[in-house]
Amino acid sequence: MLDEPRAGRLAAWGNALFAGLVAPDDAATRAVGADSVHRVVDLPGESGPVGLTLAFGRLRALGAVGLRIALPRPGHPLGLCGPPEFNAAALDAEEAVLASGAGVGLVPEVREAGPAGDVLTEVVWRCLAVRQAPPADVPTLGEAERELAEVLRDATEELTRLDVAGAGPMALARLEAYRARMERGRQVLAPGYPPRAVRVLELAQRVGALVEIAAETEPGAAVSAGQMVLREGVLRPVERAARRARVAAYNAYAEELERQRG
């Protein structure tokens, strides 16, 4: 969960471009990240696949005023707004980008090739029509921050009370080591995002990583099936809150751009 979702990178740097804070080629390069190449297909007005630089320009020409993200899971259509075809594709990919004002969304298809240690990753963003409707279950930054703090406190207390493996000092040490590795060379969000969005995203990433670590069994721990069920029940709302917070953070800039444009 400390890893940045591709939809998040694309939306963050696209928003920075729309705000005039970065150059088109720079935005495209940062959106691609460590992948080999990103292309967009089925974009209105284009007959074939195009690179991100051209795609950003085309989205603006279509009326896009900001980019939002969705991070849906089965039973939780977080950030989606329909129609069913788009929702199904986004749910399968577990992420998507919505271009506010343009009536389209982008869903990634990831293709990898090559031997271990030298894998080339190509991402094809498929453009689909979306409804101009409020996205599902997306909180404000303030709501997301409060919710995350509350569920994290409650979950920590419950896991400690249950003495469930995966919630002890070893898990916390692994989290700190994981965070330190990921911090090297990583920029949170793109230029222009409000400090609160950065703070909420950092917290959501750390909480998400803690969920993944706490869901594992520490070496030598004897964990019963009942304990595993209890642990999953405690961690489920925490993971959900972390995803909601991530979406709120990435979407904060698009909401601000839309407010400025009236």
C-alpha atoms as a PDB file:
ATOM      1  CA  MET A   1       0.000   0.000   0.000  1.00  0.00           C
ATOM      2  CA  LEU A   2       3.002   2.291   0.128  1.00  0.00           C
ATOM      3  CA  ASP A   3       3.302   1.814  -3.618  1.00  0.00           C
ATOM      4  CA  GLU A   4       1.612   4.537  -5.613  1.00  0.00           C
ATOM      5  CA  PRO A   5      -1.294   3.299  -7.776  1.00  0.00           C
ATOM      6  CA  ARG A   6      -0.876   3.990 -11.480  1.00  0.00           C
ATOM      7  CA  ALA A   7      -4.206   5.801 -11.482  1.00  0.00           C
ATOM      8  CA  GLY A   8      -2.886   8.052  -8.726  1.00  0.00           C
ATOM      9  CA  ARG A   9       0.291   8.958 -10.621  1.00  0.00           C
ATOM     10  CA  LEU A  10      -1.635   9.654 -13.811  1.00  0.00           C
ATOM     11  CA  ALA A  11      -4.226  11.823 -12.071  1.00  0.00           C
ATOM     12  CA  ALA A  12      -1.742  13.718  -9.895  1.00  0.00           C
ATOM     13  CA  TRP A  13       0.619  14.692 -12.714  1.00  0.00           C
ATOM     14  CA  GLY A  14      -2.228  15.307 -15.133  1.00  0.00           C
ATOM     15  CA  ASN A  15      -3.750  17.739 -12.645  1.00  0.00           C
ATOM     16  CA  ALA A  16      -0.398  19.485 -12.209  1.00  0.00           C
ATOM     17  CA  LEU A  17      -0.240  19.851 -15.992  1.00  0.00           C
ATOM     18  CA  PHE A  18      -3.796  21.207 -16.203  1.00  0.00           C
ATOM     19  CA  ALA A  19      -2.876  23.776 -13.557  1.00  0.00           C
ATOM     20  CA  GLY A  20       0.148  24.889 -15.584  1.00  0.00           C
ATOM     21  CA  LEU A  21       2.690  23.781 -12.962  1.00  0.00           C
ATOM     22  CA  VAL A  22       4.602  21.244 -15.080  1.00  0.00           C
ATOM     23  CA  ALA A  23       5.384  20.794 -18.764  1.00  0.00           C
ATOM     24  CA  PRO A  24       3.460  18.171 -20.791  1.00  0.00           C
ATOM     25  CA  ASP A  25       6.454  15.898 -21.329  1.00  0.00           C
ATOM     26  CA  ASP A  26       7.427  16.114 -17.660  1.00  0.00           C
ATOM     27  CA  ALA A  27       3.895  15.201 -16.582  1.00  0.00           C
ATOM     28  CA  ALA A  28       3.891  12.207 -18.935  1.00  0.00           C
ATOM     29  CA  THR A  29       7.290  11.003 -17.717  1.00  0.00           C
ATOM     30  CA  ARG A  30       6.299  11.213 -14.052  1.00  0.00           C
ATOM     31  CA  ALA A  31       2.985   9.464 -14.729  1.00  0.00           C
ATOM     32  CA  VAL A  32       4.796   6.544 -16.382  1.00  0.00           C
ATOM     33  CA  GLY A  33       7.077   6.154 -13.388  1.00  0.00           C
ATOM     34  CA  ALA A  34       9.078   2.919 -13.387  1.00  0.00           C
ATOM     35  CA  ASP A  35       7.000   1.353 -16.176  1.00  0.00           C
ATOM     36  CA  SER A  36       8.391   1.001 -19.694  1.00  0.00           C
ATOM     37  CA  VAL A  37       5.659   2.832 -21.583  1.00  0.00           C
ATOM     38  CA  HIS A  38       2.062   4.008 -21.212  1.00  0.00           C
ATOM     39  CA  ARG A  39      -0.388   4.378 -24.098  1.00  0.00           C
ATOM     40  CA  VAL A  40      -4.043   5.372 -24.331  1.00  0.00           C
ATOM     41  CA  VAL A  41      -6.468   3.624 -26.687  1.00  0.00           C
ATOM     42  CA  ASP A  42     -10.040   4.381 -27.811  1.00  0.00           C
ATOM     43  CA  LEU A  43      -9.581   8.076 -27.016  1.00  0.00           C
ATOM     44  CA  PRO A  44     -12.205  10.189 -28.827  1.00  0.00           C
ATOM     45  CA  GLY A  45     -10.670  11.958 -31.801  1.00  0.00           C
ATOM     46  CA  GLU A  46      -7.746   9.525 -32.112  1.00  0.00           C
ATOM     47  CA  SER A  47      -7.676   6.590 -34.522  1.00  0.00           C
ATOM     48  CA  GLY A  48      -5.070   4.554 -32.648  1.00  0.00           C
ATOM     49  CA  PRO A  49      -2.960   4.339 -29.508  1.00  0.00           C
ATOM     50  CA  VAL A  50      -1.345   7.592 -28.332  1.00  0.00           C
ATOM     51  CA  GLY A  51       1.241   8.511 -25.705  1.00  0.00           C
ATOM     52  CA  LEU A  52       0.378  10.321 -22.508  1.00  0.00           C
ATOM     53  CA  THR A  53       1.572  13.729 -23.701  1.00  0.00           C
ATOM     54  CA  LEU A  54      -0.914  13.717 -26.564  1.00  0.00           C
ATOM     55  CA  ALA A  55      -3.575  12.066 -24.401  1.00  0.00           C
ATOM     56  CA  PHE A  56      -3.401  14.822 -21.782  1.00  0.00           C
ATOM     57  CA  GLY A  57      -3.885  17.413 -24.521  1.00  0.00           C
ATOM     58  CA  ARG A  58      -6.804  15.523 -26.013  1.00  0.00           C
ATOM     59  CA  LEU A  59      -8.499  15.220 -22.612  1.00  0.00           C
ATOM     60  CA  ARG A  60      -8.247  18.975 -22.148  1.00  0.00           C
ATOM     61  CA  ALA A  61      -9.718  19.504 -25.621  1.00  0.00           C
ATOM     62  CA  LEU A  62     -12.608  17.223 -24.614  1.00  0.00           C
ATOM     63  CA  GLY A  63     -13.329  19.531 -21.690  1.00  0.00           C
ATOM     64  CA  ALA A  64     -11.473  17.854 -18.829  1.00  0.00           C
ATOM     65  CA  VAL A  65     -10.933  20.252 -15.915  1.00  0.00           C
ATOM     66  CA  GLY A  66      -9.433  17.739 -13.487  1.00  0.00           C
ATOM     67  CA  LEU A  67      -8.596  14.078 -13.031  1.00  0.00           C
ATOM     68  CA  ARG A  68      -9.984  11.935 -10.233  1.00  0.00           C
ATOM     69  CA  ILE A  69      -9.295   8.332  -9.307  1.00  0.00           C
ATOM     70  CA  ALA A  70     -11.315   5.314  -8.247  1.00  0.00           C
ATOM     71  CA  LEU A  71     -10.002   2.370  -6.205  1.00  0.00           C
ATOM     72  CA  PRO A  72     -12.963  -0.037  -6.190  1.00  0.00           C
ATOM     73  CA  ARG A  73     -13.168  -3.521  -4.679  1.00  0.00           C
ATOM     74  CA  PRO A  74     -15.956  -6.112  -4.787  1.00  0.00           C
ATOM     75  CA  GLY A  75     -18.886  -4.721  -2.833  1.00  0.00           C
ATOM     76  CA  HIS A  76     -17.292  -1.270  -2.599  1.00  0.00           C
ATOM     77  CA  PRO A  77     -17.482   0.821  -5.828  1.00  0.00           C
ATOM     78  CA  LEU A  78     -15.223   3.531  -4.380  1.00  0.00           C
ATOM     79  CA  GLY A  79     -14.965   6.504  -6.750  1.00  0.00           C
ATOM     80  CA  LEU A  80     -17.102   5.022  -9.534  1.00  0.00           C
ATOM     81  CA  CYS A  81     -20.062   6.707 -11.187  1.00  0.00           C
ATOM     82  CA  GLY A  82     -21.125   4.332 -13.998  1.00  0.00           C
ATOM     83  CA  PRO A  83     -22.127   3.153 -16.486  1.00  0.00           C
ATOM     84  CA  PRO A  84     -21.897  -0.619 -15.797  1.00  0.00           C
ATOM     85  CA  GLU A  85     -19.320  -1.239 -18.548  1.00  0.00           C
ATOM     86  CA  PHE A  86     -16.882   1.241 -17.049  1.00  0.00           C
ATOM     87  CA  ASN A  87     -17.553   0.098 -13.498  1.00  0.00           C
ATOM     88  CA  ALA A  88     -16.910  -3.538 -14.418  1.00  0.00           C
ATOM     89  CA  ALA A  89     -13.608  -2.721 -16.144  1.00  0.00           C
ATOM     90  CA  ALA A  90     -12.469  -0.524 -13.244  1.00  0.00           C
ATOM     91  CA  LEU A  91     -13.429  -3.165 -10.699  1.00  0.00           C
ATOM     92  CA  ASP A  92     -11.449  -5.780 -12.604  1.00  0.00           C
ATOM     93  CA  ALA A  93      -8.379  -3.491 -12.652  1.00  0.00           C
ATOM     94  CA  GLU A  94      -9.069  -2.251  -9.087  1.00  0.00           C
ATOM     95  CA  GLU A  95      -8.308   1.309 -10.212  1.00  0.00           C
ATOM     96  CA  ALA A  96      -9.339   3.915 -12.776  1.00  0.00           C
ATOM     97  CA  VAL A  97      -9.026   7.602 -13.669  1.00  0.00           C
ATOM     98  CA  LEU A  98     -12.052   9.802 -14.373  1.00  0.00           C
ATOM     99  CA  ALA A  99     -11.691  12.985 -16.424  1.00  0.00           C
ATOM    100  CA  SER A 100     -14.122  15.460 -14.856  1.00  0.00           C
ATOM    101  CA  GLY A 101     -15.895  17.499 -17.517  1.00  0.00           C
ATOM    102  CA  ALA A 102     -14.932  15.243 -20.420  1.00  0.00           C
ATOM    103  CA  GLY A 103     -17.317  12.354 -19.774  1.00  0.00           C
ATOM    104  CA  VAL A 104     -14.598   9.716 -20.127  1.00  0.00           C
ATOM    105  CA  GLY A 105     -12.549   7.506 -17.852  1.00  0.00           C
ATOM    106  CA  LEU A 106      -9.343   5.508 -18.245  1.00  0.00           C
ATOM    107  CA  VAL A 107      -8.800   1.944 -17.041  1.00  0.00           C
ATOM    108  CA  PRO A 108      -5.304   0.388 -17.069  1.00  0.00           C
ATOM    109  CA  GLU A 109      -4.388  -2.946 -18.627  1.00  0.00           C
ATOM    110  CA  VAL A 110      -0.914  -4.024 -17.502  1.00  0.00           C
ATOM    111  CA  ARG A 111       1.258  -6.269 -19.653  1.00  0.00           C
ATOM    112  CA  GLU A 112       4.631  -7.616 -18.530  1.00  0.00           C
ATOM    113  CA  ALA A 113       7.302  -9.414 -20.545  1.00  0.00           C
ATOM    114  CA  GLY A 114      10.897 -10.459 -20.054  1.00  0.00           C
ATOM    115  CA  PRO A 115      12.956 -12.556 -17.626  1.00  0.00           C
ATOM    116  CA  ALA A 116      13.020 -12.002 -13.874  1.00  0.00           C
ATOM    117  CA  GLY A 117      15.051  -8.936 -13.042  1.00  0.00           C
ATOM    118  CA  ASP A 118      14.547  -7.447 -16.494  1.00  0.00           C
ATOM    119  CA  VAL A 119      10.779  -7.226 -16.827  1.00  0.00           C
ATOM    120  CA  LEU A 120       9.330  -4.619 -19.185  1.00  0.00           C
ATOM    121  CA  THR A 121       5.954  -3.259 -18.139  1.00  0.00           C
ATOM    122  CA  GLU A 122       3.598  -1.760 -20.703  1.00  0.00           C
ATOM    123  CA  VAL A 123       0.393  -0.088 -19.553  1.00  0.00           C
ATOM    124  CA  VAL A 124      -2.497   0.448 -21.934  1.00  0.00           C
ATOM    125  CA  TRP A 125      -5.148   2.857 -20.663  1.00  0.00           C
ATOM    126  CA  ARG A 126      -8.501   2.067 -22.251  1.00  0.00           C
ATOM    127  CA  CYS A 127     -10.794   5.057 -22.601  1.00  0.00           C
ATOM    128  CA  LEU A 128     -14.476   4.469 -21.818  1.00  0.00           C
ATOM    129  CA  ALA A 129     -17.517   6.691 -21.439  1.00  0.00           C
ATOM    130  CA  VAL A 130     -18.497   7.639 -17.873  1.00  0.00           C
ATOM    131  CA  ARG A 131     -21.521   9.331 -16.395  1.00  0.00           C
ATOM    132  CA  GLN A 132     -21.312  12.910 -15.175  1.00  0.00           C
ATOM    133  CA  ALA A 133     -22.350  12.005 -11.649  1.00  0.00           C
ATOM    134  CA  PRO A 134     -20.864  12.266  -8.148  1.00  0.00           C
ATOM    135  CA  PRO A 135     -18.385   9.430  -7.482  1.00  0.00           C
ATOM    136  CA  ALA A 136     -19.436   6.746  -5.010  1.00  0.00           C
ATOM    137  CA  ASP A 137     -18.403   6.930  -1.344  1.00  0.00           C
ATOM    138  CA  VAL A 138     -15.587   9.486  -1.708  1.00  0.00           C
ATOM    139  CA  PRO A 139     -15.073  11.502   1.506  1.00  0.00           C
ATOM    140  CA  THR A 140     -13.624  14.975   1.899  1.00  0.00           C
ATOM    141  CA  LEU A 141     -10.024  15.231   3.091  1.00  0.00           C
ATOM    142  CA  GLY A 142     -11.173  16.170   6.577  1.00  0.00           C
ATOM    143  CA  GLU A 143     -13.620  13.273   6.778  1.00  0.00           C
ATOM    144  CA  ALA A 144     -11.002  10.827   5.498  1.00  0.00           C
ATOM    145  CA  GLU A 145      -8.384  11.991   7.989  1.00  0.00           C
ATOM    146  CA  ARG A 146     -10.741  11.684  10.955  1.00  0.00           C
ATOM    147  CA  GLU A 147     -12.047   8.300   9.867  1.00  0.00           C
ATOM    148  CA  LEU A 148      -8.558   6.912   9.347  1.00  0.00           C
ATOM    149  CA  ALA A 149      -7.383   8.047  12.773  1.00  0.00           C
ATOM    150  CA  GLU A 150     -10.471   6.562  14.446  1.00  0.00           C
ATOM    151  CA  VAL A 151     -10.396   3.149  12.778  1.00  0.00           C
ATOM    152  CA  LEU A 152      -6.641   2.853  13.263  1.00  0.00           C
ATOM    153  CA  ARG A 153      -6.996   3.553  17.005  1.00  0.00           C
ATOM    154  CA  ASP A 154      -9.885   1.123  17.378  1.00  0.00           C
ATOM    155  CA  ALA A 155      -8.144  -1.602  15.368  1.00  0.00           C
ATOM    156  CA  THR A 156      -4.905  -1.260  17.323  1.00  0.00           C
ATOM    157  CA  GLU A 157      -6.774  -1.607  20.605  1.00  0.00           C
ATOM    158  CA  GLU A 158      -8.780  -4.590  19.355  1.00  0.00           C
ATOM    159  CA  LEU A 159      -5.785  -6.438  17.912  1.00  0.00           C
ATOM    160  CA  THR A 160      -3.860  -5.884  21.118  1.00  0.00           C
ATOM    161  CA  ARG A 161      -6.807  -7.118  23.213  1.00  0.00           C
ATOM    162  CA  LEU A 162      -7.153 -10.228  21.051  1.00  0.00           C
ATOM    163  CA  ASP A 163      -3.371 -10.804  21.157  1.00  0.00           C
ATOM    164  CA  VAL A 164      -3.539 -11.655  17.460  1.00  0.00           C
ATOM    165  CA  ALA A 165      -0.221 -12.394  15.749  1.00  0.00           C
ATOM    166  CA  GLY A 166       0.845  -9.732  13.295  1.00  0.00           C
ATOM    167  CA  ALA A 167       0.049  -6.758  15.509  1.00  0.00           C
ATOM    168  CA  GLY A 168       3.133  -6.762  17.713  1.00  0.00           C
ATOM    169  CA  PRO A 169       6.531  -5.025  17.726  1.00  0.00           C
ATOM    170  CA  MET A 170       7.864  -7.146  14.866  1.00  0.00           C
ATOM    171  CA  ALA A 171       5.053  -5.969  12.575  1.00  0.00           C
ATOM    172  CA  LEU A 172       5.692  -2.337  13.492  1.00  0.00           C
ATOM    173  CA  ALA A 173       9.430  -2.759  12.871  1.00  0.00           C
ATOM    174  CA  ARG A 174       8.708  -4.231   9.456  1.00  0.00           C
ATOM    175  CA  LEU A 175       6.414  -1.302   8.698  1.00  0.00           C
ATOM    176  CA  GLU A 176       9.111   1.232   9.555  1.00  0.00           C
ATOM    177  CA  ALA A 177      11.690  -0.612   7.459  1.00  0.00           C
ATOM    178  CA  TYR A 178       9.230  -0.783   4.563  1.00  0.00           C
ATOM    179  CA  ARG A 179       8.434   2.920   4.862  1.00  0.00           C
ATOM    180  CA  ALA A 180      12.115   3.879   4.940  1.00  0.00           C
ATOM    181  CA  ARG A 181      12.811   1.928   1.740  1.00  0.00           C
ATOM    182  CA  MET A 182       9.869   3.461  -0.077  1.00  0.00           C
ATOM    183  CA  GLU A 183      10.713   7.010   1.034  1.00  0.00           C
ATOM    184  CA  ARG A 184      14.029   6.988  -0.828  1.00  0.00           C
ATOM    185  CA  GLY A 185      13.535   8.983  -4.000  1.00  0.00           C
ATOM    186  CA  ARG A 186       9.737   9.100  -3.678  1.00  0.00           C
ATOM    187  CA  GLN A 187       7.722  12.276  -4.155  1.00  0.00           C
ATOM    188  CA  VAL A 188       4.277  12.243  -2.605  1.00  0.00           C
ATOM    189  CA  LEU A 189       1.712  13.626  -5.048  1.00  0.00           C
ATOM    190  CA  ALA A 190       2.601  16.317  -7.603  1.00  0.00           C
ATOM    191  CA  PRO A 191       3.244  20.072  -7.384  1.00  0.00           C
ATOM    192  CA  GLY A 192       0.290  22.140  -6.273  1.00  0.00           C
ATOM    193  CA  TYR A 193      -1.481  19.640  -4.023  1.00  0.00           C
ATOM    194  CA  PRO A 194      -2.479  21.088  -0.644  1.00  0.00           C
ATOM    195  CA  PRO A 195      -0.353  20.029   2.353  1.00  0.00           C
ATOM    196  CA  ARG A 196      -3.335  18.293   3.932  1.00  0.00           C
ATOM    197  CA  ALA A 197      -3.707  16.030   0.899  1.00  0.00           C
ATOM    198  CA  VAL A 198      -0.048  15.038   1.193  1.00  0.00           C
ATOM    199  CA  ARG A 199      -0.464  14.353   4.909  1.00  0.00           C
ATOM    200  CA  VAL A 200      -3.607  12.262   4.389  1.00  0.00           C
ATOM    201  CA  LEU A 201      -2.013  10.252   1.587  1.00  0.00           C
ATOM    202  CA  GLU A 202       1.114   9.523   3.629  1.00  0.00           C
ATOM    203  CA  LEU A 203      -1.022   8.335   6.540  1.00  0.00           C
ATOM    204  CA  ALA A 204      -3.196   6.221   4.239  1.00  0.00           C
ATOM    205  CA  GLN A 205      -0.129   4.595   2.698  1.00  0.00           C
ATOM    206  CA  ARG A 206       1.354   3.745   6.081  1.00  0.00           C
ATOM    207  CA  VAL A 207      -1.942   2.402   7.385  1.00  0.00           C
ATOM    208  CA  GLY A 208      -2.403   0.332   4.238  1.00  0.00           C
ATOM    209  CA  ALA A 209       1.052  -1.154   4.643  1.00  0.00           C
ATOM    210  CA  LEU A 210       0.313  -1.910   8.300  1.00  0.00           C
ATOM    211  CA  VAL A 211      -2.840  -3.763   7.234  1.00  0.00           C
ATOM    212  CA  GLU A 212      -0.833  -5.905   4.818  1.00  0.00           C
ATOM    213  CA  ILE A 213       1.822  -6.654   7.427  1.00  0.00           C
ATOM    214  CA  ALA A 214      -0.664  -7.317  10.233  1.00  0.00           C
ATOM    215  CA  ALA A 215      -2.595  -9.684   7.952  1.00  0.00           C
ATOM    216  CA  GLU A 216       0.467 -11.925   7.744  1.00  0.00           C
ATOM    217  CA  THR A 217       1.504 -14.416  10.376  1.00  0.00           C
ATOM    218  CA  GLU A 218       4.777 -13.626  12.118  1.00  0.00           C
ATOM    219  CA  PRO A 219       7.430 -16.373  12.034  1.00  0.00           C
ATOM    220  CA  GLY A 220       6.899 -18.954  14.748  1.00  0.00           C
ATOM    221  CA  ALA A 221       3.408 -17.725  15.617  1.00  0.00           C
ATOM    222  CA  ALA A 222       0.665 -20.274  16.107  1.00  0.00           C
ATOM    223  CA  VAL A 223      -2.490 -18.766  14.648  1.00  0.00           C
ATOM    224  CA  SER A 224      -5.796 -20.604  14.693  1.00  0.00           C
ATOM    225  CA  ALA A 225      -8.491 -20.331  12.055  1.00  0.00           C
ATOM    226  CA  GLY A 226     -10.612 -18.442  14.573  1.00  0.00           C
ATOM    227  CA  GLN A 227      -7.858 -15.918  15.205  1.00  0.00           C
ATOM    228  CA  MET A 228      -7.442 -15.383  11.478  1.00  0.00           C
ATOM    229  CA  VAL A 229     -11.156 -14.667  11.110  1.00  0.00           C
ATOM    230  CA  LEU A 230     -11.053 -12.201  14.019  1.00  0.00           C
ATOM    231  CA  ARG A 231      -8.009 -10.466  12.568  1.00  0.00           C
ATOM    232  CA  GLU A 232      -9.600 -10.142   9.136  1.00  0.00           C
ATOM    233  CA  GLY A 233     -12.721  -8.674  10.713  1.00  0.00           C
ATOM    234  CA  VAL A 234     -10.689  -6.038  12.541  1.00  0.00           C
ATOM    235  CA  LEU A 235      -8.515  -5.143   9.564  1.00  0.00           C
ATOM    236  CA  ARG A 236     -11.261  -4.936   6.927  1.00  0.00           C
ATOM    237  CA  PRO A 237     -12.622  -1.496   7.957  1.00  0.00           C
ATOM    238  CA  VAL A 238      -9.060  -0.185   8.305  1.00  0.00           C
ATOM    239  CA  GLU A 239      -8.179  -1.214   4.742  1.00  0.00           C
ATOM    240  CA  ARG A 240     -11.425   0.343   3.497  1.00  0.00           C
ATOM    241  CA  ALA A 241     -10.717   3.615   5.328  1.00  0.00           C
ATOM    242  CA  ALA A 242      -7.172   3.708   3.926  1.00  0.00           C
ATOM    243  CA  ARG A 243      -8.469   3.344   0.366  1.00  0.00           C
ATOM    244  CA  ARG A 244     -11.085   6.047   0.926  1.00  0.00           C
ATOM    245  CA  ALA A 245      -8.388   8.353   2.243  1.00  0.00           C
ATOM    246  CA  ARG A 246      -6.136   7.705  -0.747  1.00  0.00           C
ATOM    247  CA  VAL A 247      -8.934   8.552  -3.165  1.00  0.00           C
ATOM    248  CA  ALA A 248      -9.767  11.713  -1.216  1.00  0.00           C
ATOM    249  CA  ALA A 249      -6.119  12.805  -1.316  1.00  0.00           C
ATOM    250  CA  TYR A 250      -5.627  12.226  -5.041  1.00  0.00           C
ATOM    251  CA  ASN A 251      -8.974  13.855  -5.857  1.00  0.00           C
ATOM    252  CA  ALA A 252      -8.342  16.961  -3.746  1.00  0.00           C
ATOM    253  CA  TYR A 253      -6.600  18.840  -6.541  1.00  0.00           C
ATOM    254  CA  ALA A 254      -9.292  18.102  -9.130  1.00  0.00           C
ATOM    255  CA  GLU A 255     -11.951  19.344  -6.729  1.00  0.00           C
ATOM    256  CA  GLU A 256      -9.991  22.565  -6.168  1.00  0.00           C
ATOM    257  CA  LEU A 257      -9.500  23.089  -9.916  1.00  0.00           C
ATOM    258  CA  GLU A 258     -13.220  22.622 -10.476  1.00  0.00           C
ATOM    259  CA  ARG A 259     -14.072  25.125  -7.719  1.00  0.00           C
ATOM    260  CA  GLN A 260     -11.750  27.709  -9.256  1.00  0.00           C
ATOM    261  CA  ARG A 261     -13.474  27.317 -12.615  1.00  0.00           C
ATOM    262  CA  GLY A 262     -16.885  27.611 -11.001  1.00  0.00           C
END
